Amino acid sequence: MLTCKEFLSELSDFLDERTDGEIRTKLERHVSECPNCWVVCDTTKKTISVYKGMKECSIPGDVHSRLMAALEKKMAAGRSAQ
């Protein structure tokens, strides 16, 4: 039986249908038996669907710069914590 952490680590591949065989069966079983993971999976599917249906729009340059700086800072903090 998979743990929730294991399920979540495979969620992207599961939703993209890049898993096969035994692992896919385990993921399907887990999501059918775990209400928390079912909610995460279902919400993620819906979010992807909404996102795909949106028209592309650009963000202002200053917002992009601040966002990239924040992401770089967060990634650096994550690397130093390891």
N, C-alpha and C. Protein backbone atom coordinates (compact mmCIF):
# COMPACT_ATOMS: atom_id res chain seq x y z
N MET A 1 0.86 -1.19 0.00
CA MET A 1 0.00 0.00 0.00
C MET A 1 0.89 1.24 0.00
N LEU A 2 0.54 2.18 -0.82
CA LEU A 2 1.28 3.44 -0.90
C LEU A 2 0.93 4.36 0.26
N THR A 3 1.88 5.18 0.63
CA THR A 3 1.60 6.24 1.60
C THR A 3 1.10 7.47 0.82
N CYS A 4 0.53 8.40 1.54
CA CYS A 4 0.08 9.64 0.89
C CYS A 4 1.27 10.39 0.29
N LYS A 5 2.38 10.39 0.98
CA LYS A 5 3.58 11.07 0.48
C LYS A 5 4.03 10.44 -0.83
N GLU A 6 4.01 9.13 -0.92
CA GLU A 6 4.38 8.45 -2.17
C GLU A 6 3.40 8.77 -3.29
N PHE A 7 2.11 8.80 -2.93
CA PHE A 7 1.09 9.15 -3.94
C PHE A 7 1.34 10.54 -4.48
N LEU A 8 1.57 11.49 -3.57
CA LEU A 8 1.76 12.88 -4.00
C LEU A 8 3.01 13.05 -4.85
N SER A 9 4.04 12.26 -4.58
CA SER A 9 5.26 12.37 -5.38
C SER A 9 5.04 11.86 -6.80
N GLU A 10 4.03 11.04 -7.00
CA GLU A 10 3.73 10.48 -8.33
C GLU A 10 2.54 11.18 -9.00
N LEU A 11 1.93 12.14 -8.31
CA LEU A 11 0.68 12.74 -8.79
C LEU A 11 0.81 13.35 -10.18
N SER A 12 1.85 14.08 -10.44
CA SER A 12 2.01 14.72 -11.74
C SER A 12 2.04 13.68 -12.86
N ASP A 13 2.85 12.65 -12.71
CA ASP A 13 2.92 11.60 -13.73
C ASP A 13 1.60 10.85 -13.84
N PHE A 14 0.93 10.66 -12.71
CA PHE A 14 -0.37 9.98 -12.70
C PHE A 14 -1.39 10.77 -13.52
N LEU A 15 -1.46 12.07 -13.28
CA LEU A 15 -2.42 12.91 -14.00
C LEU A 15 -2.07 13.05 -15.48
N ASP A 16 -0.78 13.02 -15.78
CA ASP A 16 -0.34 13.10 -17.18
C ASP A 16 -0.38 11.74 -17.87
N GLU A 17 -0.82 10.73 -17.14
CA GLU A 17 -0.91 9.36 -17.64
C GLU A 17 0.43 8.84 -18.13
N ARG A 18 1.48 9.18 -17.38
CA ARG A 18 2.83 8.69 -17.70
C ARG A 18 3.24 7.53 -16.81
N THR A 19 2.33 7.08 -15.94
CA THR A 19 2.61 5.91 -15.13
C THR A 19 1.95 4.70 -15.79
N ASP A 20 2.51 3.54 -15.56
CA ASP A 20 1.92 2.36 -16.16
C ASP A 20 2.08 1.17 -15.23
N GLY A 21 1.40 0.12 -15.57
CA GLY A 21 1.53 -1.14 -14.86
C GLY A 21 1.20 -1.09 -13.39
N GLU A 22 2.07 -1.73 -12.63
CA GLU A 22 1.84 -1.93 -11.21
C GLU A 22 1.72 -0.61 -10.44
N ILE A 23 2.55 0.37 -10.77
CA ILE A 23 2.51 1.64 -10.04
C ILE A 23 1.19 2.36 -10.29
N ARG A 24 0.69 2.34 -11.51
CA ARG A 24 -0.59 2.99 -11.81
C ARG A 24 -1.72 2.32 -11.02
N THR A 25 -1.69 1.00 -10.95
CA THR A 25 -2.70 0.26 -10.19
C THR A 25 -2.65 0.66 -8.72
N LYS A 26 -1.44 0.77 -8.18
CA LYS A 26 -1.29 1.17 -6.77
C LYS A 26 -1.80 2.60 -6.54
N LEU A 27 -1.49 3.49 -7.49
CA LEU A 27 -1.95 4.88 -7.37
C LEU A 27 -3.47 4.96 -7.43
N GLU A 28 -4.06 4.23 -8.37
CA GLU A 28 -5.53 4.23 -8.50
C GLU A 28 -6.18 3.66 -7.24
N ARG A 29 -5.59 2.61 -6.70
CA ARG A 29 -6.14 2.01 -5.48
C ARG A 29 -6.04 3.02 -4.32
N HIS A 30 -4.89 3.65 -4.20
CA HIS A 30 -4.71 4.60 -3.10
C HIS A 30 -5.70 5.75 -3.19
N VAL A 31 -5.83 6.33 -4.36
CA VAL A 31 -6.73 7.50 -4.49
C VAL A 31 -8.19 7.09 -4.29
N SER A 32 -8.53 5.85 -4.58
CA SER A 32 -9.91 5.40 -4.37
C SER A 32 -10.20 5.12 -2.89
N GLU A 33 -9.14 4.89 -2.11
CA GLU A 33 -9.32 4.56 -0.69
C GLU A 33 -8.98 5.70 0.26
N CYS A 34 -8.29 6.71 -0.22
CA CYS A 34 -7.84 7.80 0.65
C CYS A 34 -8.59 9.10 0.30
N PRO A 35 -9.49 9.53 1.14
CA PRO A 35 -10.27 10.73 0.82
C PRO A 35 -9.42 11.99 0.68
N ASN A 36 -8.35 12.11 1.46
CA ASN A 36 -7.50 13.29 1.37
C ASN A 36 -6.80 13.36 0.01
N CYS A 37 -6.22 12.24 -0.41
CA CYS A 37 -5.53 12.22 -1.70
C CYS A 37 -6.52 12.36 -2.85
N TRP A 38 -7.73 11.83 -2.67
CA TRP A 38 -8.75 11.99 -3.71
C TRP A 38 -9.05 13.48 -3.91
N VAL A 39 -9.19 14.22 -2.81
CA VAL A 39 -9.47 15.66 -2.89
C VAL A 39 -8.32 16.38 -3.59
N VAL A 40 -7.09 16.07 -3.22
CA VAL A 40 -5.93 16.71 -3.85
C VAL A 40 -5.91 16.39 -5.34
N CYS A 41 -6.12 15.13 -5.69
CA CYS A 41 -6.10 14.71 -7.09
C CYS A 41 -7.22 15.39 -7.88
N ASP A 42 -8.41 15.37 -7.35
CA ASP A 42 -9.56 15.97 -8.03
C ASP A 42 -9.39 17.48 -8.19
N THR A 43 -8.94 18.14 -7.15
CA THR A 43 -8.72 19.59 -7.21
C THR A 43 -7.64 19.94 -8.22
N THR A 44 -6.58 19.14 -8.25
CA THR A 44 -5.49 19.38 -9.20
C THR A 44 -5.98 19.20 -10.63
N LYS A 45 -6.77 18.15 -10.87
CA LYS A 45 -7.36 17.93 -12.20
C LYS A 45 -8.20 19.13 -12.63
N LYS A 46 -9.03 19.61 -11.73
CA LYS A 46 -9.90 20.74 -12.03
C LYS A 46 -9.09 22.01 -12.28
N THR A 47 -8.04 22.22 -11.49
CA THR A 47 -7.19 23.39 -11.67
C THR A 47 -6.52 23.36 -13.03
N ILE A 48 -6.02 22.20 -13.42
CA ILE A 48 -5.38 22.06 -14.73
C ILE A 48 -6.39 22.35 -15.83
N SER A 49 -7.59 21.84 -15.68
CA SER A 49 -8.64 22.06 -16.68
C SER A 49 -8.98 23.54 -16.82
N VAL A 50 -9.10 24.23 -15.70
CA VAL A 50 -9.39 25.67 -15.73
C VAL A 50 -8.23 26.42 -16.38
N TYR A 51 -7.02 26.07 -15.98
CA TYR A 51 -5.83 26.74 -16.51
C TYR A 51 -5.73 26.56 -18.02
N LYS A 52 -5.98 25.35 -18.50
CA LYS A 52 -5.89 25.09 -19.94
C LYS A 52 -6.94 25.87 -20.73
N GLY A 53 -8.05 26.19 -20.07
CA GLY A 53 -9.12 26.91 -20.74
C GLY A 53 -8.94 28.42 -20.74
N MET A 54 -7.92 28.91 -20.06
CA MET A 54 -7.71 30.35 -19.97
C MET A 54 -6.91 30.86 -21.15
N LYS A 55 -7.15 32.10 -21.51
CA LYS A 55 -6.33 32.70 -22.56
C LYS A 55 -5.03 33.21 -21.92
N GLU A 56 -4.00 33.17 -22.71
CA GLU A 56 -2.70 33.60 -22.23
C GLU A 56 -2.69 35.11 -22.02
N CYS A 57 -2.07 35.54 -20.96
CA CYS A 57 -1.90 36.97 -20.73
C CYS A 57 -0.52 37.19 -20.13
N SER A 58 0.02 38.35 -20.36
CA SER A 58 1.35 38.65 -19.84
C SER A 58 1.22 39.46 -18.56
N ILE A 59 2.27 39.40 -17.76
CA ILE A 59 2.29 40.20 -16.54
C ILE A 59 3.28 41.33 -16.72
N PRO A 60 3.08 42.42 -16.01
CA PRO A 60 4.01 43.55 -16.13
C PRO A 60 5.43 43.14 -15.78
N GLY A 61 6.39 43.77 -16.40
CA GLY A 61 7.80 43.46 -16.20
C GLY A 61 8.25 43.52 -14.76
N ASP A 62 7.79 44.54 -14.01
CA ASP A 62 8.21 44.65 -12.62
C ASP A 62 7.66 43.51 -11.76
N VAL A 63 6.46 43.05 -12.07
CA VAL A 63 5.87 41.92 -11.35
C VAL A 63 6.66 40.65 -11.67
N HIS A 64 7.01 40.48 -12.94
CA HIS A 64 7.80 39.33 -13.36
C HIS A 64 9.15 39.32 -12.64
N SER A 65 9.80 40.46 -12.56
CA SER A 65 11.10 40.56 -11.90
C SER A 65 11.00 40.21 -10.42
N ARG A 66 9.98 40.74 -9.75
CA ARG A 66 9.80 40.45 -8.32
C ARG A 66 9.48 38.97 -8.10
N LEU A 67 8.66 38.41 -8.96
CA LEU A 67 8.32 37.00 -8.85
C LEU A 67 9.55 36.12 -9.03
N MET A 68 10.34 36.40 -10.04
CA MET A 68 11.55 35.61 -10.29
C MET A 68 12.53 35.74 -9.13
N ALA A 69 12.67 36.93 -8.57
CA ALA A 69 13.57 37.14 -7.43
C ALA A 69 13.09 36.34 -6.22
N ALA A 70 11.79 36.35 -5.99
CA ALA A 70 11.23 35.60 -4.86
C ALA A 70 11.43 34.10 -5.05
N LEU A 71 11.24 33.62 -6.27
CA LEU A 71 11.45 32.19 -6.54
C LEU A 71 12.91 31.80 -6.36
N GLU A 72 13.81 32.63 -6.86
CA GLU A 72 15.24 32.35 -6.70
C GLU A 72 15.63 32.33 -5.23
N LYS A 73 15.09 33.25 -4.44
CA LYS A 73 15.39 33.30 -3.01
C LYS A 73 14.87 32.03 -2.33
N LYS A 74 13.66 31.62 -2.68
CA LYS A 74 13.06 30.42 -2.09
C LYS A 74 13.86 29.17 -2.47
N MET A 75 14.27 29.08 -3.72
CA MET A 75 15.05 27.93 -4.18
C MET A 75 16.42 27.89 -3.48
N ALA A 76 17.05 29.04 -3.32
CA ALA A 76 18.34 29.10 -2.64
C ALA A 76 18.20 28.67 -1.17
N ALA A 77 17.12 29.10 -0.54
CA ALA A 77 16.89 28.72 0.86
C ALA A 77 16.66 27.22 0.97
N GLY A 78 15.97 26.65 -0.01
CA GLY A 78 15.73 25.20 -0.01
C GLY A 78 17.01 24.42 -0.21
N ARG A 79 17.90 24.93 -1.06
CA ARG A 79 19.16 24.24 -1.29
C ARG A 79 20.06 24.29 -0.06
N SER A 80 20.05 25.43 0.64
CA SER A 80 20.93 25.55 1.80
C SER A 80 20.40 24.73 2.98
N ALA A 81 19.11 24.41 2.97
CA ALA A 81 18.51 23.61 4.04
C ALA A 81 18.84 22.13 3.87
N GLN A 82 19.26 21.74 2.69
CA GLN A 82 19.54 20.31 2.43
C GLN A 82 20.87 19.94 2.84
